[in-house]
C-alpha atoms as a PDB file:
ATOM      1  CA  MET A   1      27.866  94.845  67.078  1.00  0.00           C
ATOM      2  CA  GLU A   2      31.383  95.285  68.466  1.00  0.00           C
ATOM      3  CA  GLU A   3      33.061  97.875  66.227  1.00  0.00           C
ATOM      4  CA  LEU A   4      31.941 101.223  64.858  1.00  0.00           C
ATOM      5  CA  VAL A   5      33.609 102.794  61.836  1.00  0.00           C
ATOM      6  CA  ILE A   6      32.823 106.500  61.945  1.00  0.00           C
ATOM      7  CA  VAL A   7      33.128 108.772  58.907  1.00  0.00           C
ATOM      8  CA  PRO A   8      32.130 112.144  60.393  1.00  0.00           C
ATOM      9  CA  HIS A   9      30.584 115.000  58.419  1.00  0.00           C
ATOM     10  CA  LEU A  10      31.988 118.523  58.648  1.00  0.00           C
ATOM     11  CA  PHE A  11      32.406 119.676  62.275  1.00  0.00           C
ATOM     12  CA  LEU A  12      31.568 116.196  63.594  1.00  0.00           C
ATOM     13  CA  HIS A  13      35.252 115.478  62.904  1.00  0.00           C
ATOM     14  CA  GLN A  14      35.985 117.503  66.045  1.00  0.00           C
ATOM     15  CA  ILE A  15      33.902 115.331  68.399  1.00  0.00           C
ATOM     16  CA  PRO A  16      35.897 112.879  70.579  1.00  0.00           C
ATOM     17  CA  PHE A  17      33.417 110.022  70.203  1.00  0.00           C
ATOM     18  CA  VAL A  18      35.513 107.752  72.410  1.00  0.00           C
ATOM     19  CA  ALA A  19      34.869 110.069  75.375  1.00  0.00           C
ATOM     20  CA  LEU A  20      31.102 110.519  74.942  1.00  0.00           C
ATOM     21  CA  PRO A  21      29.509 109.508  78.286  1.00  0.00           C
ATOM     22  CA  ILE A  22      26.905 106.727  78.154  1.00  0.00           C
ATOM     23  CA  ASN A  23      25.119 104.276  80.441  1.00  0.00           C
ATOM     24  CA  LEU A  24      26.458 100.786  79.851  1.00  0.00           C
ATOM     25  CA  SER A  25      24.213  97.734  79.985  1.00  0.00           C
ATOM     26  CA  SER A  26      26.805  95.883  82.085  1.00  0.00           C
ATOM     27  CA  PRO A  27      28.628  97.105  85.221  1.00  0.00           C
ATOM     28  CA  THR A  28      32.037  97.150  83.513  1.00  0.00           C
ATOM     29  CA  GLY A  29      32.226 100.892  82.928  1.00  0.00           C
ATOM     30  CA  ARG A  30      33.726 103.621  85.047  1.00  0.00           C
ATOM     31  CA  GLY A  31      31.915 104.370  88.274  1.00  0.00           C
ATOM     32  CA  ALA A  32      28.751 102.985  89.841  1.00  0.00           C
ATOM     33  CA  GLY A  33      25.601 102.304  87.910  1.00  0.00           C
ATOM     34  CA  GLY A  34      27.372 101.121  84.757  1.00  0.00           C
ATOM     35  CA  GLU A  35      28.429 104.614  83.696  1.00  0.00           C
ATOM     36  CA  GLY A  36      31.153 104.813  81.107  1.00  0.00           C
ATOM     37  CA  TYR A  37      32.047 106.075  77.656  1.00  0.00           C
ATOM     38  CA  LEU A  38      31.196 105.129  74.105  1.00  0.00           C
ATOM     39  CA  GLY A  39      34.750 103.798  73.759  1.00  0.00           C
ATOM     40  CA  ASP A  40      33.962 101.198  76.445  1.00  0.00           C
ATOM     41  CA  LYS A  41      31.021  99.786  74.511  1.00  0.00           C
ATOM     42  CA  PHE A  42      32.509  99.798  71.011  1.00  0.00           C
ATOM     43  CA  LEU A  43      35.833  99.556  69.273  1.00  0.00           C
ATOM     44  CA  LEU A  44      35.948 102.902  67.471  1.00  0.00           C
ATOM     45  CA  ARG A  45      37.678 103.530  64.188  1.00  0.00           C
ATOM     46  CA  TYR A  46      37.584 106.698  62.083  1.00  0.00           C
ATOM     47  CA  ALA A  47      38.100 107.645  58.462  1.00  0.00           C
ATOM     48  CA  PRO A  48      38.370 111.129  56.939  1.00  0.00           C
ATOM     49  CA  SER A  49      36.221 109.921  54.016  1.00  0.00           C
ATOM     50  CA  LEU A  50      35.002 106.696  52.427  1.00  0.00           C
ATOM     51  CA  GLN A  51      37.350 107.324  49.511  1.00  0.00           C
ATOM     52  CA  VAL A  52      40.410 107.441  51.779  1.00  0.00           C
ATOM     53  CA  LEU A  53      39.183 104.379  53.685  1.00  0.00           C
ATOM     54  CA  GLY A  54      38.931 102.613  50.321  1.00  0.00           C
ATOM     55  CA  PHE A  55      42.571 103.489  49.600  1.00  0.00           C
ATOM     56  CA  CYS A  56      43.560 101.750  52.845  1.00  0.00           C
ATOM     57  CA  HIS A  57      41.501  98.621  52.115  1.00  0.00           C
ATOM     58  CA  HIS A  58      43.000  98.185  48.655  1.00  0.00           C
ATOM     59  CA  ARG A  59      46.567  98.098  49.968  1.00  0.00           C
ATOM     60  CA  GLY A  60      48.094  94.708  50.599  1.00  0.00           C
ATOM     61  CA  PRO A  61      49.001  93.575  54.126  1.00  0.00           C
ATOM     62  CA  VAL A  62      52.465  94.302  55.530  1.00  0.00           C
ATOM     63  CA  SER A  63      54.105  91.304  57.169  1.00  0.00           C
ATOM     64  CA  MET A  64      57.094  93.088  58.748  1.00  0.00           C
ATOM     65  CA  SER A  65      56.993  95.326  61.824  1.00  0.00           C
ATOM     66  CA  ASP A  66      60.183  97.377  61.558  1.00  0.00           C
ATOM     67  CA  TYR A  67      59.884 100.396  63.862  1.00  0.00           C
ATOM     68  CA  GLY A  68      61.431 103.851  63.827  1.00  0.00           C
ATOM     69  CA  THR A  69      60.927 106.971  65.927  1.00  0.00           C
ATOM     70  CA  ALA A  70      61.169 110.738  65.557  1.00  0.00           C
ATOM     71  CA  GLU A  71      61.535 112.291  69.023  1.00  0.00           C
ATOM     72  CA  ASN A  72      61.503 115.766  70.556  1.00  0.00           C
ATOM     73  CA  ALA A  73      62.645 117.501  67.373  1.00  0.00           C
ATOM     74  CA  THR A  74      62.688 120.942  69.016  1.00  0.00           C
ATOM     75  CA  ASP A  75      64.131 119.818  72.385  1.00  0.00           C
ATOM     76  CA  ASP A  76      61.257 121.353  74.389  1.00  0.00           C
ATOM     77  CA  LEU A  77      59.129 118.259  75.151  1.00  0.00           C
ATOM     78  CA  PRO A  78      60.804 116.615  78.177  1.00  0.00           C
ATOM     79  CA  PHE A  79      58.604 113.494  78.176  1.00  0.00           C
ATOM     80  CA  SER A  80      59.002 112.824  74.451  1.00  0.00           C
ATOM     81  CA  GLY A  81      62.419 111.208  74.839  1.00  0.00           C
ATOM     82  CA  PHE A  82      61.139 109.000  77.665  1.00  0.00           C
ATOM     83  CA  GLU A  83      58.338 107.807  75.388  1.00  0.00           C
ATOM     84  CA  GLY A  84      60.806 107.137  72.579  1.00  0.00           C
ATOM     85  CA  SER A  85      63.179 105.202  74.819  1.00  0.00           C
ATOM     86  CA  LYS A  86      60.396 102.952  76.163  1.00  0.00           C
ATOM     87  CA  VAL A  87      59.070 102.239  72.663  1.00  0.00           C
ATOM     88  CA  ALA A  88      62.630 101.514  71.517  1.00  0.00           C
ATOM     89  CA  GLU A  89      63.037  99.015  74.381  1.00  0.00           C
ATOM     90  CA  LEU A  90      59.772  97.269  73.516  1.00  0.00           C
ATOM     91  CA  PHE A  91      60.602  96.768  69.848  1.00  0.00           C
ATOM     92  CA  LYS A  92      64.419  96.726  70.010  1.00  0.00           C
ATOM     93  CA  ILE A  93      64.688  99.652  67.604  1.00  0.00           C
ATOM     94  CA  ASP A  94      68.048 100.190  65.948  1.00  0.00           C
ATOM     95  CA  PRO A  95      69.554 103.463  67.313  1.00  0.00           C
ATOM     96  CA  GLN A  96      70.066 104.607  63.712  1.00  0.00           C
ATOM     97  CA  ARG A  97      66.293 104.513  63.275  1.00  0.00           C
ATOM     98  CA  ARG A  98      65.701 106.899  66.170  1.00  0.00           C
ATOM     99  CA  LEU A  99      65.723 110.538  65.059  1.00  0.00           C
ATOM    100  CA  ILE A 100      66.302 112.498  68.265  1.00  0.00           C
ATOM    101  CA  GLY A 101      66.394 116.283  68.605  1.00  0.00           C
ATOM    102  CA  ALA A 102      68.387 117.983  65.848  1.00  0.00           C
ATOM    103  CA  ALA A 103      68.622 114.701  63.904  1.00  0.00           C
ATOM    104  CA  ALA A 104      64.854 114.824  63.297  1.00  0.00           C
ATOM    105  CA  THR A 105      65.149 116.836  60.081  1.00  0.00           C
ATOM    106  CA  ARG A 106      62.680 116.786  57.207  1.00  0.00           C
ATOM    107  CA  GLN A 107      65.029 114.820  54.955  1.00  0.00           C
ATOM    108  CA  ASN A 108      65.888 112.267  57.631  1.00  0.00           C
ATOM    109  CA  TYR A 109      62.206 111.870  58.450  1.00  0.00           C
ATOM    110  CA  ARG A 110      61.347 111.197  54.820  1.00  0.00           C
ATOM    111  CA  GLU A 111      64.159 108.664  54.504  1.00  0.00           C
ATOM    112  CA  LEU A 112      63.024 106.928  57.690  1.00  0.00           C
ATOM    113  CA  LEU A 113      59.484 106.609  56.349  1.00  0.00           C
ATOM    114  CA  ALA A 114      60.913 104.724  53.383  1.00  0.00           C
ATOM    115  CA  GLN A 115      62.913 102.379  55.621  1.00  0.00           C
ATOM    116  CA  VAL A 116      60.382 101.332  58.282  1.00  0.00           C
ATOM    117  CA  ASN A 117      56.872  99.881  58.368  1.00  0.00           C
ATOM    118  CA  ARG A 118      55.812 101.572  61.604  1.00  0.00           C
ATOM    119  CA  LEU A 119      56.779 105.034  62.775  1.00  0.00           C
ATOM    120  CA  VAL A 120      56.267 106.701  66.155  1.00  0.00           C
ATOM    121  CA  SER A 121      56.307 110.507  65.808  1.00  0.00           C
ATOM    122  CA  THR A 122      56.558 112.259  69.176  1.00  0.00           C
ATOM    123  CA  HIS A 123      57.123 115.993  68.753  1.00  0.00           C
ATOM    124  CA  HIS A 124      55.169 119.146  67.890  1.00  0.00           C
ATOM    125  CA  ALA A 125      52.559 119.510  65.159  1.00  0.00           C
ATOM    126  CA  GLN A 126      50.037 122.207  64.347  1.00  0.00           C
ATOM    127  CA  SER A 127      46.726 122.428  62.525  1.00  0.00           C
ATOM    128  CA  ARG A 128      46.239 125.478  60.287  1.00  0.00           C
ATOM    129  CA  PHE A 129      42.605 126.561  60.186  1.00  0.00           C
ATOM    130  CA  ASP A 130      43.413 129.299  57.667  1.00  0.00           C
ATOM    131  CA  ASN A 131      45.041 126.835  55.246  1.00  0.00           C
ATOM    132  CA  SER A 132      44.552 123.191  56.168  1.00  0.00           C
ATOM    133  CA  GLN A 133      47.010 121.912  53.563  1.00  0.00           C
ATOM    134  CA  GLU A 134      49.762 123.766  55.415  1.00  0.00           C
ATOM    135  CA  SER A 135      49.058 121.956  58.682  1.00  0.00           C
ATOM    136  CA  GLY A 136      52.253 120.163  59.493  1.00  0.00           C
ATOM    137  CA  LEU A 137      54.733 118.263  61.617  1.00  0.00           C
ATOM    138  CA  LYS A 138      57.317 120.512  63.253  1.00  0.00           C
ATOM    139  CA  LEU A 139      60.789 119.062  62.867  1.00  0.00           C
ATOM    140  CA  SER A 140      64.196 120.435  63.794  1.00  0.00           C
ATOM    141  CA  ASP A 141      64.731 122.272  60.487  1.00  0.00           C
ATOM    142  CA  GLY A 142      61.170 123.146  59.495  1.00  0.00           C
ATOM    143  CA  THR A 143      57.752 121.661  58.756  1.00  0.00           C
ATOM    144  CA  ILE A 144      56.435 118.722  56.758  1.00  0.00           C
ATOM    145  CA  SER A 145      53.036 119.869  55.514  1.00  0.00           C
ATOM    146  CA  VAL A 146      49.895 118.018  54.483  1.00  0.00           C
ATOM    147  CA  SER A 147      50.376 119.307  50.927  1.00  0.00           C
ATOM    148  CA  GLN A 148      53.758 117.530  50.801  1.00  0.00           C
ATOM    149  CA  LEU A 149      52.206 114.281  52.044  1.00  0.00           C
ATOM    150  CA  PHE A 150      49.631 114.566  49.242  1.00  0.00           C
ATOM    151  CA  SER A 151      52.322 114.954  46.567  1.00  0.00           C
ATOM    152  CA  PRO A 152      53.449 111.986  44.397  1.00  0.00           C
ATOM    153  CA  GLY A 153      56.985 112.204  45.775  1.00  0.00           C
ATOM    154  CA  TRP A 154      55.730 111.151  49.207  1.00  0.00           C
ATOM    155  CA  ARG A 155      54.517 107.606  48.639  1.00  0.00           C
ATOM    156  CA  PHE A 156      55.454 104.787  51.006  1.00  0.00           C
ATOM    157  CA  PRO A 157      53.836 101.520  49.829  1.00  0.00           C
ATOM    158  CA  LYS A 158      55.247  99.448  52.725  1.00  0.00           C
ATOM    159  CA  LEU A 159      54.089 101.814  55.484  1.00  0.00           C
ATOM    160  CA  ASP A 160      51.759  99.996  57.845  1.00  0.00           C
ATOM    161  CA  GLU A 161      51.286 102.334  60.822  1.00  0.00           C
ATOM    162  CA  VAL A 162      52.089 105.856  61.994  1.00  0.00           C
ATOM    163  CA  PHE A 163      51.559 106.810  65.635  1.00  0.00           C
ATOM    164  CA  LEU A 164      51.315 110.609  65.743  1.00  0.00           C
ATOM    165  CA  SER A 165      52.001 111.478  69.382  1.00  0.00           C
ATOM    166  CA  CYS A 166      51.623 115.144  68.474  1.00  0.00           C
ATOM    167  CA  CYS A 167      49.010 117.881  68.827  1.00  0.00           C
ATOM    168  CA  GLU A 168      46.071 118.388  66.452  1.00  0.00           C
ATOM    169  CA  THR A 169      47.081 115.763  63.880  1.00  0.00           C
ATOM    170  CA  SER A 170      43.473 114.895  63.035  1.00  0.00           C
ATOM    171  CA  LEU A 171      41.941 118.297  63.730  1.00  0.00           C
ATOM    172  CA  PHE A 172      39.949 119.572  60.755  1.00  0.00           C
ATOM    173  CA  SER A 173      37.979 122.814  60.345  1.00  0.00           C
ATOM    174  CA  PRO A 174      35.768 122.910  57.217  1.00  0.00           C
ATOM    175  CA  ASN A 175      34.926 126.112  55.399  1.00  0.00           C
ATOM    176  CA  SER A 176      32.013 124.758  53.379  1.00  0.00           C
ATOM    177  CA  ALA A 177      29.725 121.753  53.091  1.00  0.00           C
ATOM    178  CA  ILE A 178      31.765 120.319  50.216  1.00  0.00           C
ATOM    179  CA  ASP A 179      35.141 120.526  51.965  1.00  0.00           C
ATOM    180  CA  GLU A 180      37.176 117.347  51.992  1.00  0.00           C
ATOM    181  CA  PRO A 181      38.592 116.639  55.479  1.00  0.00           C
ATOM    182  CA  VAL A 182      42.234 117.685  55.231  1.00  0.00           C
ATOM    183  CA  ALA A 183      44.489 116.987  58.221  1.00  0.00           C
ATOM    184  CA  LEU A 184      47.828 115.314  58.847  1.00  0.00           C
ATOM    185  CA  SER A 185      45.981 112.041  59.427  1.00  0.00           C
ATOM    186  CA  THR A 186      44.502 112.318  55.920  1.00  0.00           C
ATOM    187  CA  GLY A 187      47.922 113.051  54.471  1.00  0.00           C
ATOM    188  CA  PHE A 188      49.574 109.972  55.960  1.00  0.00           C
ATOM    189  CA  LEU A 189      46.720 107.694  54.891  1.00  0.00           C
ATOM    190  CA  CYS A 190      47.048 109.033  51.350  1.00  0.00           C
ATOM    191  CA  ALA A 191      50.841 108.663  51.490  1.00  0.00           C
ATOM    192  CA  GLY A 192      50.555 104.933  52.101  1.00  0.00           C
ATOM    193  CA  ALA A 193      49.789 104.168  55.753  1.00  0.00           C
ATOM    194  CA  ARG A 194      47.249 101.397  56.325  1.00  0.00           C
ATOM    195  CA  GLY A 195      46.269 102.898  59.660  1.00  0.00           C
ATOM    196  CA  LEU A 196      47.390 105.497  62.146  1.00  0.00           C
ATOM    197  CA  ILE A 197      46.763 106.973  65.559  1.00  0.00           C
ATOM    198  CA  ALA A 198      46.197 110.729  65.606  1.00  0.00           C
ATOM    199  CA  SER A 199      44.962 113.453  67.974  1.00  0.00           C
ATOM    200  CA  GLN A 200      42.021 115.838  67.887  1.00  0.00           C
ATOM    201  CA  TRP A 201      43.439 118.546  70.156  1.00  0.00           C
ATOM    202  CA  SER A 202      46.602 119.790  71.872  1.00  0.00           C
ATOM    203  CA  ILE A 203      47.708 117.014  74.212  1.00  0.00           C
ATOM    204  CA  TYR A 204      49.754 117.183  77.409  1.00  0.00           C
ATOM    205  CA  ASP A 205      53.365 116.046  77.079  1.00  0.00           C
ATOM    206  CA  CYS A 206      53.260 113.594  80.000  1.00  0.00           C
ATOM    207  CA  SER A 207      49.798 112.214  79.172  1.00  0.00           C
ATOM    208  CA  ALA A 208      50.729 111.718  75.522  1.00  0.00           C
ATOM    209  CA  ALA A 209      53.902 109.829  76.461  1.00  0.00           C
ATOM    210  CA  LEU A 210      52.137 107.518  78.933  1.00  0.00           C
ATOM    211  CA  LEU A 211      49.293 106.734  76.558  1.00  0.00           C
ATOM    212  CA  SER A 212      51.755 105.979  73.768  1.00  0.00           C
ATOM    213  CA  ILE A 213      53.735 103.634  76.028  1.00  0.00           C
ATOM    214  CA  LEU A 214      50.564 101.827  77.139  1.00  0.00           C
ATOM    215  CA  TYR A 215      49.402 101.538  73.521  1.00  0.00           C
ATOM    216  CA  HIS A 216      52.693 100.107  72.309  1.00  0.00           C
ATOM    217  CA  GLU A 217      52.765  97.611  75.172  1.00  0.00           C
ATOM    218  CA  GLN A 218      49.408  96.333  73.894  1.00  0.00           C
ATOM    219  CA  ARG A 219      50.721  96.243  70.316  1.00  0.00           C
ATOM    220  CA  GLN A 220      53.795  94.352  71.435  1.00  0.00           C
ATOM    221  CA  GLY A 221      51.429  91.913  73.133  1.00  0.00           C
ATOM    222  CA  GLY A 222      49.676  91.179  69.838  1.00  0.00           C
ATOM    223  CA  LEU A 223      46.597  93.430  69.809  1.00  0.00           C
ATOM    224  CA  ASN A 224      45.644  95.250  66.630  1.00  0.00           C
ATOM    225  CA  ARG A 225      45.502  99.055  66.504  1.00  0.00           C
ATOM    226  CA  VAL A 226      41.922  99.644  67.539  1.00  0.00           C
ATOM    227  CA  ARG A 227      41.964  97.107  70.406  1.00  0.00           C
ATOM    228  CA  ALA A 228      45.362  98.317  71.612  1.00  0.00           C
ATOM    229  CA  LEU A 229      44.147 101.914  71.732  1.00  0.00           C
ATOM    230  CA  GLN A 230      40.956 100.982  73.598  1.00  0.00           C
ATOM    231  CA  ALA A 231      42.948  98.993  76.165  1.00  0.00           C
ATOM    232  CA  ALA A 232      45.522 101.775  76.574  1.00  0.00           C
ATOM    233  CA  GLN A 233      42.859 104.431  77.108  1.00  0.00           C
ATOM    234  CA  GLN A 234      41.118 102.320  79.728  1.00  0.00           C
ATOM    235  CA  LYS A 235      44.378 101.553  81.540  1.00  0.00           C
ATOM    236  CA  MET A 236      45.320 105.236  81.421  1.00  0.00           C
ATOM    237  CA  ARG A 237      42.184 106.511  83.076  1.00  0.00           C
ATOM    238  CA  GLN A 238      42.119 103.699  85.665  1.00  0.00           C
ATOM    239  CA  MET A 239      45.765 104.203  86.687  1.00  0.00           C
ATOM    240  CA  THR A 240      45.989 105.298  90.332  1.00  0.00           C
ATOM    241  CA  ALA A 241      48.577 107.722  91.642  1.00  0.00           C
ATOM    242  CA  ALA A 242      50.142 104.836  93.573  1.00  0.00           C
ATOM    243  CA  GLU A 243      50.493 102.804  90.373  1.00  0.00           C
ATOM    244  CA  PHE A 244      51.989 105.788  88.539  1.00  0.00           C
ATOM    245  CA  LYS A 245      54.425 106.362  91.390  1.00  0.00           C
ATOM    246  CA  LYS A 246      55.493 102.708  91.532  1.00  0.00           C
ATOM    247  CA  GLN A 247      55.902 102.160  87.800  1.00  0.00           C
ATOM    248  CA  TYR A 248      56.891 105.493  86.300  1.00  0.00           C
ATOM    249  CA  LYS A 249      58.026 108.083  88.862  1.00  0.00           C
ATOM    250  CA  LYS A 250      61.640 106.970  89.303  1.00  0.00           C
ATOM    251  CA  PRO A 251      62.330 106.166  85.616  1.00  0.00           C
ATOM    252  CA  VAL A 252      60.825 109.497  84.525  1.00  0.00           C
ATOM    253  CA  GLU A 253      62.799 111.420  87.153  1.00  0.00           C
ATOM    254  CA  ASN A 254      66.005 109.753  85.955  1.00  0.00           C
ATOM    255  CA  HIS A 255      65.155 110.683  82.379  1.00  0.00           C
ATOM    256  CA  LEU A 256      64.458 114.312  83.326  1.00  0.00           C
ATOM    257  CA  LYS A 257      67.757 114.490  85.219  1.00  0.00           C
ATOM    258  CA  ALA A 258      69.546 113.291  82.095  1.00  0.00           C
ATOM    259  CA  GLU A 259      67.633 115.864  80.048  1.00  0.00           C
ATOM    260  CA  LYS A 260      68.909 118.644  82.305  1.00  0.00           C
ATOM    261  CA  ASN A 261      72.477 117.507  81.762  1.00  0.00           C
ATOM    262  CA  ARG A 262      71.959 117.208  78.012  1.00  0.00           C
ATOM    263  CA  LEU A 263      70.454 120.678  77.682  1.00  0.00           C
ATOM    264  CA  ALA A 264      72.934 122.471  79.933  1.00  0.00           C
ATOM    265  CA  ASN A 265      75.067 123.579  76.967  1.00  0.00           C
ATOM    266  CA  HIS A 266      72.169 124.141  74.563  1.00  0.00           C
ATOM    267  CA  VAL A 267      72.167 127.578  72.932  1.00  0.00           C
ATOM    268  CA  ASN A 268      68.614 128.107  74.204  1.00  0.00           C
ATOM    269  CA  HIS A 269      69.110 126.320  77.513  1.00  0.00           C
ATOM    270  CA  GLU A 270      67.268 128.603  79.964  1.00  0.00           C
ATOM    271  CA  PRO A 271      63.677 128.150  78.678  1.00  0.00           C
ATOM    272  CA  LEU A 272      64.359 124.490  77.916  1.00  0.00           C
ATOM    273  CA  LEU A 273      65.578 123.861  81.463  1.00  0.00           C
ATOM    274  CA  MET A 274      62.516 125.664  82.809  1.00  0.00           C
ATOM    275  CA  GLY A 275      60.403 123.227  80.801  1.00  0.00           C
ATOM    276  CA  VAL A 276      62.174 120.282  82.413  1.00  0.00           C
ATOM    277  CA  SER A 277      61.600 121.791  85.863  1.00  0.00           C
ATOM    278  CA  GLY A 278      57.899 122.104  85.037  1.00  0.00           C
ATOM    279  CA  ALA A 279      57.882 118.453  84.000  1.00  0.00           C
ATOM    280  CA  GLU A 280      59.431 117.465  87.342  1.00  0.00           C
ATOM    281  CA  ARG A 281      56.656 119.325  89.180  1.00  0.00           C
ATOM    282  CA  ALA A 282      54.028 117.567  87.063  1.00  0.00           C
ATOM    283  CA  VAL A 283      55.473 114.157  87.985  1.00  0.00           C
ATOM    284  CA  LYS A 284      55.252 114.989  91.693  1.00  0.00           C
ATOM    285  CA  LYS A 285      51.695 116.247  91.256  1.00  0.00           C
ATOM    286  CA  TYR A 286      50.544 113.062  89.532  1.00  0.00           C
ATOM    287  CA  ALA A 287      52.351 110.841  92.054  1.00  0.00           C
ATOM    288  CA  ASN A 288      50.689 112.630  94.990  1.00  0.00           C
ATOM    289  CA  ASP A 289      47.184 112.670  93.542  1.00  0.00           C
ATOM    290  CA  LYS A 290      44.467 111.214  95.790  1.00  0.00           C
ATOM    291  CA  GLY A 291      42.791 109.203  93.072  1.00  0.00           C
ATOM    292  CA  CYS A 292      43.355 108.509  89.375  1.00  0.00           C
ATOM    293  CA  PRO A 293      45.318 111.484  88.001  1.00  0.00           C
ATOM    294  CA  PHE A 294      44.636 110.661  84.335  1.00  0.00           C
ATOM    295  CA  GLU A 295      40.936 109.841  84.658  1.00  0.00           C
ATOM    296  CA  HIS A 296      39.663 112.931  82.822  1.00  0.00           C
ATOM    297  CA  PRO A 297      39.230 112.496  79.028  1.00  0.00           C
ATOM    298  CA  VAL A 298      41.583 115.432  78.403  1.00  0.00           C
ATOM    299  CA  HIS A 299      44.418 112.996  79.159  1.00  0.00           C
ATOM    300  CA  TRP A 300      43.335 110.111  76.917  1.00  0.00           C
ATOM    301  CA  GLY A 301      40.357 111.080  74.751  1.00  0.00           C
ATOM    302  CA  ALA A 302      42.181 112.999  72.012  1.00  0.00           C
ATOM    303  CA  LEU A 303      43.626 109.975  70.229  1.00  0.00           C
ATOM    304  CA  GLY A 304      41.718 107.959  67.665  1.00  0.00           C
ATOM    305  CA  CYS A 305      42.447 105.099  65.267  1.00  0.00           C
ATOM    306  CA  TYR A 306      42.149 106.130  61.595  1.00  0.00           C
ATOM    307  CA  GLY A 307      42.066 103.896  58.531  1.00  0.00           C
ATOM    308  CA  LEU A 308      42.411 100.164  59.121  1.00  0.00           C
ATOM    309  CA  GLY A 309      42.360  98.723  62.639  1.00  0.00           C
END
C-alpha cells in the first residue's frame, strides 16, 4: 500500500499525520536506524468527509492549468510577495492575475477564482472556533467566510486546485459528535475545487513561502498534488543552512529591500517596516544555522493535501 486517504473523526482532524514519528523498514528516513515520519512511508491525502470526497470524485478532470495568485493582502507578510513572485516565474502568470496588496479585494478574488484553474492564496486567514462558518480568508477590504463559499453564488466548476498558504485553513474544532467538519478547506472543496493544500495551524511566513515554492517546483515538474507535497516537505526538512544561503538568501534579501522601499510611504509604515526588519533577522538566522534550520515539523508539517491528489 502506497497511499492513505484519511477521513478523520472529530478532534482527529487536528492531528498532523504527516509528522507522526515512526520506524521505517528501510534506511531512507530521517536519522539513523530508519527513523522517520508517517509521511515518508505513505502518500497522505485527507478529506473532511466521505460526502465531500464524493463531490470531488464526481467532477470531471480539468485539462488547463491557468494560475493566479492573491498575495500579502494586508501588506504585513514580507515573504508572501517573494513566494508569489517565484510561483509567477514558474508558471508565467499574467500580471493581471496577480492580486497584490490592496488589489486583493473580495470582489477581485471572486472574479479571479472564475478566471483561473489553480489559485495560490498567500495571505492571512483565521479559524473561528466560536463559529466555524465564519472562519475566513483575510483580504484587503474584509473577509471571505466559509459560509460564503458554501453559498450557491460561489461555484467554480473549472477550479482544479487551491493552494492556501495561510494559517489554520483546515483547522476544525467540533462541538458535538455529529458536527460536520467545517473549515476553509471544506468550503473550497464544496465550491468546486478538485483538490487543495491547506494548513492545520498558524504557519511561519518564511517557512510557508519556502514550502510553497518547493511544492510548486514539483508541480511544474509534473508531479500530482500529493506527491509534490511529500517531495516538498522532505526537501524542506533536509535543506541545510548552506543550501538555504546559496539558493535563497540573496534573492530574499533583495525582495525585502524592495519591500522597505514600497512600504516607506504606506499610511501604516512603522509597524510594517518593523515586520520587514524582523524578516531580515530571520533570514540571517536560518543562513547561519549549524544544521537543517527547517527540520522541525513546525516548519513543514502543517500542510496537507485535501480532496483529490
